[in-house]
Amino acid sequence: MSKPLFLLASISVLFAATVPAIAHHSFAAEFDASKPANLQGTVTKVEWQNPHAWFFMDVKDDSGKVSNWGVELGSPNGLMRAGWSKTSLKTGDVVIVEGSRAKDGSNHANARFVTLASTGKKLFASSSQGQ
């Protein structure tokens, strides 16, 4: 193998190895366990992917204004061990979220529990931090 080709291959391997580490974060880096997020709204999108599943929901405040929130869940594998499936949460479902708000004040939260309003079923949802 030529030296330039070897160097390019080495750099590619190193870059590929760092991408998962860059994408993952700790709970404390983004969320504040002392700032509760108690939300109720309608699911608008579900992203069942690693390292954390996310869903988005429309939440109406006391004045009637609707805002879209992003809610981080645990890993898909952890959620399945806790009783979730890919179809546990669907667009249009009304849910109640108990969790922690984002440190930066944005409309993001990390969920500890998600309750399905239609059945009352409460699902453990956390990535295990902030409890």
Protein backbone atom coordinates (compact mmCIF):
# COMPACT_ATOMS: atom_id res chain seq x y z
CA MET A 1 0.00 0.00 0.00
CA SER A 2 1.39 3.40 -0.93
CA LYS A 3 2.12 5.90 1.82
CA PRO A 4 -0.58 8.44 0.76
CA LEU A 5 -3.21 5.68 0.52
CA PHE A 6 -2.21 4.30 3.91
CA LEU A 7 -2.44 7.79 5.45
CA LEU A 8 -5.87 8.38 3.92
CA ALA A 9 -7.13 5.00 5.16
CA SER A 10 -5.78 5.69 8.66
CA ILE A 11 -7.46 9.10 8.85
CA SER A 12 -10.75 7.61 7.62
CA VAL A 13 -10.67 4.92 10.32
CA LEU A 14 -9.92 7.47 13.04
CA PHE A 15 -12.72 9.77 11.88
CA ALA A 16 -15.24 6.92 11.71
CA ALA A 17 -14.32 5.85 15.24
CA THR A 18 -14.95 9.33 16.68
CA VAL A 19 -18.37 10.01 15.13
CA PRO A 20 -20.40 7.99 17.71
CA ALA A 21 -18.53 9.64 20.58
CA ILE A 22 -19.30 13.10 19.21
CA ALA A 23 -22.99 12.31 18.75
CA HIS A 24 -23.56 11.08 22.30
CA HIS A 25 -23.82 13.36 25.31
CA SER A 26 -24.36 13.08 29.03
CA PHE A 27 -27.65 14.00 30.67
CA ALA A 28 -26.01 16.74 32.75
CA ALA A 29 -24.50 18.38 29.65
CA GLU A 30 -27.94 19.27 28.24
CA PHE A 31 -30.62 18.82 30.89
CA ASP A 32 -31.21 20.08 34.44
CA ALA A 33 -32.74 17.58 36.88
CA SER A 34 -33.80 20.47 39.15
CA LYS A 35 -36.00 21.98 36.39
CA PRO A 36 -39.05 19.75 35.98
CA ALA A 37 -40.79 19.42 32.63
CA ASN A 38 -44.42 18.39 32.95
CA LEU A 39 -45.89 18.53 29.49
CA GLN A 40 -49.11 17.40 27.85
CA GLY A 41 -49.65 17.45 24.13
CA THR A 42 -49.97 15.67 20.82
CA VAL A 43 -47.14 13.68 19.26
CA THR A 44 -46.08 15.14 15.90
CA LYS A 45 -43.05 12.97 15.08
CA VAL A 46 -41.19 9.92 16.47
CA GLU A 47 -37.51 9.17 15.79
CA TRP A 48 -36.62 5.66 16.94
CA GLN A 49 -32.82 5.77 16.59
CA ASN A 50 -29.56 5.44 18.53
CA PRO A 51 -28.10 6.68 20.76
CA HIS A 52 -31.45 8.07 22.05
CA ALA A 53 -34.96 7.93 20.70
CA TRP A 54 -36.73 11.28 20.39
CA PHE A 55 -40.26 12.39 19.81
CA PHE A 56 -41.76 15.78 19.15
CA MET A 57 -45.04 17.07 20.51
CA ASP A 58 -47.25 20.13 20.23
CA VAL A 59 -47.88 21.64 23.67
CA LYS A 60 -50.47 24.36 24.31
CA ASP A 61 -49.68 26.86 27.08
CA ASP A 62 -52.23 28.62 29.34
CA SER A 63 -52.72 31.41 26.79
CA GLY A 64 -53.49 28.92 24.00
CA LYS A 65 -50.17 29.35 22.20
CA VAL A 66 -48.86 26.07 20.72
CA SER A 67 -45.17 25.26 20.71
CA ASN A 68 -43.35 22.17 19.49
CA TRP A 69 -41.15 20.36 22.02
CA GLY A 70 -38.43 17.79 21.39
CA VAL A 71 -38.38 15.04 24.02
CA GLU A 72 -35.38 12.76 24.45
CA LEU A 73 -35.95 9.19 25.58
CA GLY A 74 -33.53 6.41 26.42
CA SER A 75 -31.89 4.18 23.84
CA PRO A 76 -34.20 2.04 21.70
CA ASN A 77 -32.71 -1.09 23.30
CA GLY A 78 -33.33 0.22 26.81
CA LEU A 79 -36.85 1.29 25.91
CA MET A 80 -37.64 -2.19 24.57
CA ARG A 81 -36.38 -3.71 27.84
CA ALA A 82 -38.75 -1.32 29.66
CA GLY A 83 -41.74 -2.54 27.61
CA TRP A 84 -41.73 -0.17 24.63
CA SER A 85 -42.02 -1.16 20.99
CA LYS A 86 -41.62 0.95 17.86
CA THR A 87 -45.40 1.36 17.83
CA SER A 88 -45.84 2.36 21.49
CA LEU A 89 -45.85 6.02 20.51
CA LYS A 90 -47.47 7.21 17.30
CA THR A 91 -48.10 10.53 15.59
CA GLY A 92 -51.40 11.87 16.90
CA ASP A 93 -51.16 10.24 20.34
CA VAL A 94 -51.85 12.54 23.28
CA VAL A 95 -49.19 12.08 25.95
CA ILE A 96 -48.14 13.40 29.33
CA VAL A 97 -44.40 13.75 29.90
CA GLU A 98 -42.64 13.87 33.26
CA GLY A 99 -38.99 14.80 32.95
CA SER A 100 -36.34 17.50 33.03
CA ARG A 101 -36.00 20.68 30.99
CA ALA A 102 -33.07 21.63 28.80
CA LYS A 103 -30.43 23.77 30.52
CA ASP A 104 -30.49 26.31 27.69
CA GLY A 105 -34.20 27.07 28.15
CA SER A 106 -35.14 25.70 24.72
CA ASN A 107 -38.23 23.56 24.11
CA HIS A 108 -36.39 20.32 24.80
CA ALA A 109 -36.82 17.86 27.64
CA ASN A 110 -35.51 14.51 28.79
CA ALA A 111 -38.42 12.24 29.73
CA ARG A 112 -38.45 9.99 32.79
CA PHE A 113 -42.00 8.80 32.13
CA VAL A 114 -44.44 9.09 29.25
CA THR A 115 -48.11 8.41 29.95
CA LEU A 116 -50.47 7.63 27.08
CA ALA A 117 -53.60 9.71 27.70
CA SER A 118 -55.85 7.27 25.81
CA THR A 119 -55.04 4.28 28.05
CA GLY A 120 -53.32 5.75 31.12
CA LYS A 121 -50.39 3.44 30.47
CA LYS A 122 -47.22 4.91 32.02
CA LEU A 123 -43.97 3.96 30.31
CA PHE A 124 -40.51 4.34 31.83
CA ALA A 125 -38.63 6.44 29.28
CA SER A 126 -35.39 7.75 30.76
CA SER A 127 -31.84 7.25 29.67
CA SER A 128 -31.34 6.68 33.46
CA GLN A 129 -29.80 10.02 34.35
CA GLY A 130 -31.39 12.83 36.26
CA GLN A 131 -33.61 10.67 38.45
